[in-house]
Amino acid sequence: MPITLTDSGFLPNELTAFAGKKLNIRMTNISSRVAELESYDMKFEKITPQGKTVSVFAGPLRPGKYRFFDDYSLSGYSGWLTVREE
């Protein structure tokens, strides 16, 4: 499940997945600074240097809405993962 962090935020900033599946979220940081992909809801955090791609694993998750964000962002960049029944 790929996402990109730009100087304007996450692209896309809304993701969808099915419940009960383990997820691999891959973030590429093309912003002008170091970032930290983090989610309290999904229990991950990963520092991401400029121009690099990192992977984080989450789940299996129950249906619901889960927030992820760039913990280093002063602008509060965040996105949402919606998990639904298959």
PDB file of N, CA and C in Angstrom:
ATOM      1  N   MET A   1       0.850  -1.143   0.000  1.00  0.00           N
ATOM      2  CA  MET A   1       0.000   0.000   0.000  1.00  0.00           C
ATOM      3  C   MET A   1       0.911   1.226   0.000  1.00  0.00           C
ATOM      4  N   PRO A   2       1.155   1.838  -1.173  1.00  0.00           N
ATOM      5  CA  PRO A   2       2.111   2.944  -1.269  1.00  0.00           C
ATOM      6  C   PRO A   2       1.494   4.313  -0.958  1.00  0.00           C
ATOM      7  N   ILE A   3       2.273   5.134  -0.258  1.00  0.00           N
ATOM      8  CA  ILE A   3       1.937   6.535  -0.058  1.00  0.00           C
ATOM      9  C   ILE A   3       3.207   7.351  -0.270  1.00  0.00           C
ATOM     10  N   THR A   4       3.025   8.626  -0.553  1.00  0.00           N
ATOM     11  CA  THR A   4       4.141   9.537  -0.761  1.00  0.00           C
ATOM     12  C   THR A   4       3.960  10.740   0.147  1.00  0.00           C
ATOM     13  N   LEU A   5       5.040  11.176   0.777  1.00  0.00           N
ATOM     14  CA  LEU A   5       5.006  12.402   1.564  1.00  0.00           C
ATOM     15  C   LEU A   5       5.674  13.498   0.755  1.00  0.00           C
ATOM     16  N   THR A   6       4.928  14.574   0.482  1.00  0.00           N
ATOM     17  CA  THR A   6       5.442  15.735  -0.234  1.00  0.00           C
ATOM     18  C   THR A   6       5.531  16.901   0.749  1.00  0.00           C
ATOM     19  N   ASP A   7       5.962  18.035   0.271  1.00  0.00           N
ATOM     20  CA  ASP A   7       5.992  19.233   1.121  1.00  0.00           C
ATOM     21  C   ASP A   7       4.598  19.752   1.417  1.00  0.00           C
ATOM     22  N   SER A   8       3.580  19.173   0.782  1.00  0.00           N
ATOM     23  CA  SER A   8       2.183  19.570   1.013  1.00  0.00           C
ATOM     24  C   SER A   8       1.386  18.540   1.805  1.00  0.00           C
ATOM     25  N   GLY A   9       1.977  17.391   2.097  1.00  0.00           N
ATOM     26  CA  GLY A   9       1.277  16.357   2.847  1.00  0.00           C
ATOM     27  C   GLY A   9       1.359  14.999   2.175  1.00  0.00           C
ATOM     28  N   PHE A  10       0.492  14.086   2.602  1.00  0.00           N
ATOM     29  CA  PHE A  10       0.479  12.715   2.089  1.00  0.00           C
ATOM     30  C   PHE A  10      -0.345  12.604   0.812  1.00  0.00           C
ATOM     31  N   LEU A  11       0.147  11.796  -0.119  1.00  0.00           N
ATOM     32  CA  LEU A  11      -0.585  11.465  -1.344  1.00  0.00           C
ATOM     33  C   LEU A  11      -0.608   9.956  -1.493  1.00  0.00           C
ATOM     34  N   PRO A  12      -1.725   9.299  -1.515  1.00  0.00           N
ATOM     35  CA  PRO A  12      -3.017   9.843  -1.111  1.00  0.00           C
ATOM     36  C   PRO A  12      -3.041   9.990   0.410  1.00  0.00           C
ATOM     37  N   ASN A  13      -3.999  10.745   0.909  1.00  0.00           N
ATOM     38  CA  ASN A  13      -4.089  10.889   2.365  1.00  0.00           C
ATOM     39  C   ASN A  13      -5.229  10.052   2.941  1.00  0.00           C
ATOM     40  N   GLU A  14      -5.890   9.265   2.073  1.00  0.00           N
ATOM     41  CA  GLU A  14      -6.906   8.322   2.530  1.00  0.00           C
ATOM     42  C   GLU A  14      -6.670   6.981   1.854  1.00  0.00           C
ATOM     43  N   LEU A  15      -6.563   5.942   2.673  1.00  0.00           N
ATOM     44  CA  LEU A  15      -6.342   4.578   2.195  1.00  0.00           C
ATOM     45  C   LEU A  15      -7.495   3.702   2.662  1.00  0.00           C
ATOM     46  N   THR A  16      -7.694   2.586   1.960  1.00  0.00           N
ATOM     47  CA  THR A  16      -8.731   1.625   2.329  1.00  0.00           C
ATOM     48  C   THR A  16      -8.123   0.228   2.329  1.00  0.00           C
ATOM     49  N   ALA A  17      -8.508  -0.580   3.312  1.00  0.00           N
ATOM     50  CA  ALA A  17      -8.038  -1.955   3.392  1.00  0.00           C
ATOM     51  C   ALA A  17      -9.148  -2.821   3.963  1.00  0.00           C
ATOM     52  N   PHE A  18      -8.967  -4.135   3.877  1.00  0.00           N
ATOM     53  CA  PHE A  18      -9.939  -5.077   4.418  1.00  0.00           C
ATOM     54  C   PHE A  18      -9.514  -5.559   5.792  1.00  0.00           C
ATOM     55  N   ALA A  19     -10.479  -5.789   6.644  1.00  0.00           N
ATOM     56  CA  ALA A  19     -10.238  -6.275   8.004  1.00  0.00           C
ATOM     57  C   ALA A  19      -9.591  -7.653   7.976  1.00  0.00           C
ATOM     58  N   GLY A  20      -8.809  -7.923   9.016  1.00  0.00           N
ATOM     59  CA  GLY A  20      -8.222  -9.244   9.184  1.00  0.00           C
ATOM     60  C   GLY A  20      -6.983  -9.509   8.356  1.00  0.00           C
ATOM     61  N   LYS A  21      -6.496  -8.533   7.620  1.00  0.00           N
ATOM     62  CA  LYS A  21      -5.313  -8.706   6.768  1.00  0.00           C
ATOM     63  C   LYS A  21      -4.140  -7.930   7.345  1.00  0.00           C
ATOM     64  N   LYS A  22      -2.953  -8.503   7.227  1.00  0.00           N
ATOM     65  CA  LYS A  22      -1.744  -7.788   7.613  1.00  0.00           C
ATOM     66  C   LYS A  22      -1.397  -6.815   6.489  1.00  0.00           C
ATOM     67  N   LEU A  23      -1.007  -5.609   6.848  1.00  0.00           N
ATOM     68  CA  LEU A  23      -0.746  -4.558   5.863  1.00  0.00           C
ATOM     69  C   LEU A  23       0.724  -4.164   5.841  1.00  0.00           C
ATOM     70  N   ASN A  24       1.213  -3.864   4.649  1.00  0.00           N
ATOM     71  CA  ASN A  24       2.543  -3.303   4.459  1.00  0.00           C
ATOM     72  C   ASN A  24       2.341  -1.925   3.844  1.00  0.00           C
ATOM     73  N   ILE A  25       2.598  -0.885   4.631  1.00  0.00           N
ATOM     74  CA  ILE A  25       2.472   0.485   4.137  1.00  0.00           C
ATOM     75  C   ILE A  25       3.870   0.964   3.776  1.00  0.00           C
ATOM     76  N   ARG A  26       4.051   1.379   2.505  1.00  0.00           N
ATOM     77  CA  ARG A  26       5.344   1.846   2.015  1.00  0.00           C
ATOM     78  C   ARG A  26       5.257   3.349   1.754  1.00  0.00           C
ATOM     79  N   MET A  27       6.064   4.113   2.477  1.00  0.00           N
ATOM     80  CA  MET A  27       6.057   5.557   2.285  1.00  0.00           C
ATOM     81  C   MET A  27       7.353   6.011   1.643  1.00  0.00           C
ATOM     82  N   THR A  28       7.213   6.795   0.566  1.00  0.00           N
ATOM     83  CA  THR A  28       8.351   7.447  -0.068  1.00  0.00           C
ATOM     84  C   THR A  28       8.329   8.913   0.329  1.00  0.00           C
ATOM     85  N   ASN A  29       9.438   9.384   0.845  1.00  0.00           N
ATOM     86  CA  ASN A  29       9.546  10.766   1.296  1.00  0.00           C
ATOM     87  C   ASN A  29      10.212  11.607   0.209  1.00  0.00           C
ATOM     88  N   ILE A  30       9.408  12.397  -0.510  1.00  0.00           N
ATOM     89  CA  ILE A  30       9.968  13.318  -1.502  1.00  0.00           C
ATOM     90  C   ILE A  30       9.888  14.760  -1.007  1.00  0.00           C
ATOM     91  N   SER A  31       9.639  14.931   0.290  1.00  0.00           N
ATOM     92  CA  SER A  31       9.605  16.268   0.869  1.00  0.00           C
ATOM     93  C   SER A  31      11.040  16.793   1.009  1.00  0.00           C
ATOM     94  N   SER A  32      11.165  18.016   1.446  1.00  0.00           N
ATOM     95  CA  SER A  32      12.480  18.650   1.555  1.00  0.00           C
ATOM     96  C   SER A  32      13.138  18.427   2.918  1.00  0.00           C
ATOM     97  N   ARG A  33      12.599  17.469   3.709  1.00  0.00           N
ATOM     98  CA  ARG A  33      13.137  17.249   5.051  1.00  0.00           C
ATOM     99  C   ARG A  33      12.956  15.800   5.488  1.00  0.00           C
ATOM    100  N   VAL A  34      13.608  15.457   6.576  1.00  0.00           N
ATOM    101  CA  VAL A  34      13.430  14.145   7.196  1.00  0.00           C
ATOM    102  C   VAL A  34      12.026  14.084   7.785  1.00  0.00           C
ATOM    103  N   ALA A  35      11.403  12.913   7.720  1.00  0.00           N
ATOM    104  CA  ALA A  35      10.044  12.735   8.241  1.00  0.00           C
ATOM    105  C   ALA A  35      10.014  11.534   9.174  1.00  0.00           C
ATOM    106  N   GLU A  36       8.931  11.438   9.936  1.00  0.00           N
ATOM    107  CA  GLU A  36       8.710  10.243  10.754  1.00  0.00           C
ATOM    108  C   GLU A  36       7.270   9.787  10.546  1.00  0.00           C
ATOM    109  N   LEU A  37       7.105   8.665   9.865  1.00  0.00           N
ATOM    110  CA  LEU A  37       5.787   8.074   9.667  1.00  0.00           C
ATOM    111  C   LEU A  37       5.381   7.402  10.970  1.00  0.00           C
ATOM    112  N   GLU A  38       4.244   7.839  11.533  1.00  0.00           N
ATOM    113  CA  GLU A  38       3.840   7.322  12.838  1.00  0.00           C
ATOM    114  C   GLU A  38       2.334   7.120  12.896  1.00  0.00           C
ATOM    115  N   SER A  39       1.923   6.147  13.707  1.00  0.00           N
ATOM    116  CA  SER A  39       0.512   5.921  13.987  1.00  0.00           C
ATOM    117  C   SER A  39       0.387   5.334  15.379  1.00  0.00           C
ATOM    118  N   TYR A  40      -0.317   6.051  16.253  1.00  0.00           N
ATOM    119  CA  TYR A  40      -0.609   5.497  17.573  1.00  0.00           C
ATOM    120  C   TYR A  40      -1.614   4.361  17.426  1.00  0.00           C
ATOM    121  N   ASP A  41      -2.589   4.549  16.508  1.00  0.00           N
ATOM    122  CA  ASP A  41      -3.648   3.573  16.300  1.00  0.00           C
ATOM    123  C   ASP A  41      -3.113   2.231  15.804  1.00  0.00           C
ATOM    124  N   MET A  42      -2.141   2.282  14.885  1.00  0.00           N
ATOM    125  CA  MET A  42      -1.612   1.055  14.278  1.00  0.00           C
ATOM    126  C   MET A  42      -0.279   0.625  14.875  1.00  0.00           C
ATOM    127  N   LYS A  43       0.216   1.414  15.831  1.00  0.00           N
ATOM    128  CA  LYS A  43       1.419   1.070  16.597  1.00  0.00           C
ATOM    129  C   LYS A  43       2.679   0.914  15.745  1.00  0.00           C
ATOM    130  N   PHE A  44       3.020   1.979  15.007  1.00  0.00           N
ATOM    131  CA  PHE A  44       4.294   1.998  14.302  1.00  0.00           C
ATOM    132  C   PHE A  44       4.856   3.409  14.267  1.00  0.00           C
ATOM    133  N   GLU A  45       6.170   3.482  14.087  1.00  0.00           N
ATOM    134  CA  GLU A  45       6.864   4.739  13.823  1.00  0.00           C
ATOM    135  C   GLU A  45       8.164   4.414  13.104  1.00  0.00           C
ATOM    136  N   LYS A  46       8.464   5.223  12.092  1.00  0.00           N
ATOM    137  CA  LYS A  46       9.646   4.940  11.284  1.00  0.00           C
ATOM    138  C   LYS A  46      10.189   6.255  10.726  1.00  0.00           C
ATOM    139  N   ILE A  47      11.451   6.540  11.005  1.00  0.00           N
ATOM    140  CA  ILE A  47      12.100   7.729  10.460  1.00  0.00           C
ATOM    141  C   ILE A  47      12.385   7.490   8.986  1.00  0.00           C
ATOM    142  N   THR A  48      12.134   8.517   8.178  1.00  0.00           N
ATOM    143  CA  THR A  48      12.285   8.395   6.729  1.00  0.00           C
ATOM    144  C   THR A  48      13.106   9.560   6.187  1.00  0.00           C
ATOM    145  N   PRO A  49      14.361   9.310   5.800  1.00  0.00           N
ATOM    146  CA  PRO A  49      15.175  10.373   5.217  1.00  0.00           C
ATOM    147  C   PRO A  49      14.602  10.848   3.874  1.00  0.00           C
ATOM    148  N   GLN A  50      15.029  12.028   3.468  1.00  0.00           N
ATOM    149  CA  GLN A  50      14.603  12.569   2.183  1.00  0.00           C
ATOM    150  C   GLN A  50      14.997  11.620   1.053  1.00  0.00           C
ATOM    151  N   GLY A  51      14.072  11.429   0.108  1.00  0.00           N
ATOM    152  CA  GLY A  51      14.350  10.606  -1.058  1.00  0.00           C
ATOM    153  C   GLY A  51      14.355   9.111  -0.806  1.00  0.00           C
ATOM    154  N   LYS A  52      13.996   8.672   0.369  1.00  0.00           N
ATOM    155  CA  LYS A  52      14.009   7.244   0.710  1.00  0.00           C
ATOM    156  C   LYS A  52      12.594   6.705   0.871  1.00  0.00           C
ATOM    157  N   THR A  53      12.484   5.376   0.805  1.00  0.00           N
ATOM    158  CA  THR A  53      11.221   4.678   1.011  1.00  0.00           C
ATOM    159  C   THR A  53      11.384   3.738   2.191  1.00  0.00           C
ATOM    160  N   VAL A  54      10.391   3.733   3.071  1.00  0.00           N
ATOM    161  CA  VAL A  54      10.390   2.819   4.219  1.00  0.00           C
ATOM    162  C   VAL A  54       9.097   2.007   4.204  1.00  0.00           C
ATOM    163  N   SER A  55       9.133   0.863   4.856  1.00  0.00           N
ATOM    164  CA  SER A  55       7.947   0.021   5.010  1.00  0.00           C
ATOM    165  C   SER A  55       7.633  -0.142   6.479  1.00  0.00           C
ATOM    166  N   VAL A  56       6.335  -0.112   6.792  1.00  0.00           N
ATOM    167  CA  VAL A  56       5.858  -0.421   8.137  1.00  0.00           C
ATOM    168  C   VAL A  56       4.751  -1.451   8.006  1.00  0.00           C
ATOM    169  N   PHE A  57       4.612  -2.289   9.013  1.00  0.00           N
ATOM    170  CA  PHE A  57       3.595  -3.325   8.997  1.00  0.00           C
ATOM    171  C   PHE A  57       2.562  -3.045  10.071  1.00  0.00           C
ATOM    172  N   ALA A  58       1.320  -3.321   9.745  1.00  0.00           N
ATOM    173  CA  ALA A  58       0.217  -3.129  10.692  1.00  0.00           C
ATOM    174  C   ALA A  58      -0.775  -4.264  10.521  1.00  0.00           C
ATOM    175  N   GLY A  59      -1.482  -4.538  11.612  1.00  0.00           N
ATOM    176  CA  GLY A  59      -2.562  -5.513  11.520  1.00  0.00           C
ATOM    177  C   GLY A  59      -2.150  -6.897  11.943  1.00  0.00           C
ATOM    178  N   PRO A  60      -3.142  -7.761  11.745  1.00  0.00           N
ATOM    179  CA  PRO A  60      -4.461  -7.535  11.154  1.00  0.00           C
ATOM    180  C   PRO A  60      -5.294  -6.567  11.997  1.00  0.00           C
ATOM    181  N   LEU A  61      -6.097  -5.751  11.317  1.00  0.00           N
ATOM    182  CA  LEU A  61      -6.881  -4.703  11.962  1.00  0.00           C
ATOM    183  C   LEU A  61      -8.373  -5.001  11.893  1.00  0.00           C
ATOM    184  N   ARG A  62      -9.102  -4.470  12.848  1.00  0.00           N
ATOM    185  CA  ARG A  62     -10.570  -4.558  12.862  1.00  0.00           C
ATOM    186  C   ARG A  62     -11.144  -3.415  12.037  1.00  0.00           C
ATOM    187  N   PRO A  63     -12.385  -3.529  11.608  1.00  0.00           N
ATOM    188  CA  PRO A  63     -13.007  -2.422  10.883  1.00  0.00           C
ATOM    189  C   PRO A  63     -12.963  -1.134  11.709  1.00  0.00           C
ATOM    190  N   GLY A  64     -12.696  -0.036  11.036  1.00  0.00           N
ATOM    191  CA  GLY A  64     -12.614   1.260  11.708  1.00  0.00           C
ATOM    192  C   GLY A  64     -11.751   2.215  10.923  1.00  0.00           C
ATOM    193  N   LYS A  65     -11.468   3.349  11.540  1.00  0.00           N
ATOM    194  CA  LYS A  65     -10.665   4.393  10.917  1.00  0.00           C
ATOM    195  C   LYS A  65      -9.406   4.588  11.753  1.00  0.00           C
ATOM    196  N   TYR A  66      -8.238   4.560  11.098  1.00  0.00           N
ATOM    197  CA  TYR A  66      -6.956   4.617  11.764  1.00  0.00           C
ATOM    198  C   TYR A  66      -6.146   5.788  11.202  1.00  0.00           C
ATOM    199  N   ARG A  67      -5.590   6.603  12.089  1.00  0.00           N
ATOM    200  CA  ARG A  67      -4.833   7.783  11.680  1.00  0.00           C
ATOM    201  C   ARG A  67      -3.346   7.470  11.575  1.00  0.00           C
ATOM    202  N   PHE A  68      -2.689   8.033  10.550  1.00  0.00           N
ATOM    203  CA  PHE A  68      -1.233   8.032  10.460  1.00  0.00           C
ATOM    204  C   PHE A  68      -0.800   9.471  10.225  1.00  0.00           C
ATOM    205  N   PHE A  69       0.449   9.787  10.584  1.00  0.00           N
ATOM    206  CA  PHE A  69       0.890  11.174  10.476  1.00  0.00           C
ATOM    207  C   PHE A  69       2.408  11.260  10.396  1.00  0.00           C
ATOM    208  N   ASP A  70       2.887  12.443  10.004  1.00  0.00           N
ATOM    209  CA  ASP A  70       4.312  12.754  10.024  1.00  0.00           C
ATOM    210  C   ASP A  70       4.586  13.456  11.343  1.00  0.00           C
ATOM    211  N   ASP A  71       5.217  12.768  12.259  1.00  0.00           N
ATOM    212  CA  ASP A  71       5.450  13.302  13.595  1.00  0.00           C
ATOM    213  C   ASP A  71       6.407  14.494  13.588  1.00  0.00           C
ATOM    214  N   TYR A  72       7.197  14.649  12.528  1.00  0.00           N
ATOM    215  CA  TYR A  72       8.140  15.761  12.446  1.00  0.00           C
ATOM    216  C   TYR A  72       7.529  16.990  11.773  1.00  0.00           C
ATOM    217  N   SER A  73       6.332  16.888  11.269  1.00  0.00           N
ATOM    218  CA  SER A  73       5.700  17.985  10.536  1.00  0.00           C
ATOM    219  C   SER A  73       5.175  19.059  11.478  1.00  0.00           C
ATOM    220  N   LEU A  74       5.538  20.299  11.226  1.00  0.00           N
ATOM    221  CA  LEU A  74       4.989  21.421  11.981  1.00  0.00           C
ATOM    222  C   LEU A  74       3.589  21.761  11.491  1.00  0.00           C
ATOM    223  N   SER A  75       3.241  21.289  10.288  1.00  0.00           N
ATOM    224  CA  SER A  75       1.925  21.568   9.701  1.00  0.00           C
ATOM    225  C   SER A  75       0.886  20.509  10.045  1.00  0.00           C
ATOM    226  N   GLY A  76       1.294  19.467  10.755  1.00  0.00           N
ATOM    227  CA  GLY A  76       0.343  18.438  11.176  1.00  0.00           C
ATOM    228  C   GLY A  76      -0.133  17.537  10.056  1.00  0.00           C
ATOM    229  N   TYR A  77       0.737  17.202   9.109  1.00  0.00           N
ATOM    230  CA  TYR A  77       0.341  16.329   8.004  1.00  0.00           C
ATOM    231  C   TYR A  77      -0.118  14.984   8.529  1.00  0.00           C
ATOM    232  N   SER A  78      -1.303  14.569   8.093  1.00  0.00           N
ATOM    233  CA  SER A  78      -1.826  13.276   8.513  1.00  0.00           C
ATOM    234  C   SER A  78      -2.711  12.692   7.420  1.00  0.00           C
ATOM    235  N   GLY A  79      -3.038  11.414   7.604  1.00  0.00           N
ATOM    236  CA  GLY A  79      -3.917  10.708   6.689  1.00  0.00           C
ATOM    237  C   GLY A  79      -4.689   9.663   7.457  1.00  0.00           C
ATOM    238  N   TRP A  80      -5.577   8.974   6.750  1.00  0.00           N
ATOM    239  CA  TRP A  80      -6.459   7.985   7.378  1.00  0.00           C
ATOM    240  C   TRP A  80      -6.481   6.683   6.591  1.00  0.00           C
ATOM    241  N   LEU A  81      -6.512   5.601   7.330  1.00  0.00           N
ATOM    242  CA  LEU A  81      -6.730   4.282   6.768  1.00  0.00           C
ATOM    243  C   LEU A  81      -8.106   3.826   7.237  1.00  0.00           C
ATOM    244  N   THR A  82      -8.987   3.544   6.301  1.00  0.00           N
ATOM    245  CA  THR A  82     -10.302   3.007   6.631  1.00  0.00           C
ATOM    246  C   THR A  82     -10.265   1.509   6.391  1.00  0.00           C
ATOM    247  N   VAL A  83     -10.573   0.744   7.421  1.00  0.00           N
ATOM    248  CA  VAL A  83     -10.580  -0.714   7.329  1.00  0.00           C
ATOM    249  C   VAL A  83     -12.038  -1.157   7.368  1.00  0.00           C
ATOM    250  N   ARG A  84     -12.425  -1.985   6.382  1.00  0.00           N
ATOM    251  CA  ARG A  84     -13.807  -2.441   6.305  1.00  0.00           C
ATOM    252  C   ARG A  84     -13.840  -3.946   6.110  1.00  0.00           C
ATOM    253  N   GLU A  85     -15.025  -4.515   6.369  1.00  0.00           N
ATOM    254  CA  GLU A  85     -15.228  -5.952   6.151  1.00  0.00           C
ATOM    255  C   GLU A  85     -15.114  -6.264   4.667  1.00  0.00           C
ATOM    256  N   GLU A  86     -14.617  -7.448   4.382  1.00  0.00           N
ATOM    257  CA  GLU A  86     -14.476  -7.881   2.988  1.00  0.00           C
ATOM    258  C   GLU A  86     -15.791  -8.226   2.376  1.00  0.00           C
TER     259      GLU A  86
END
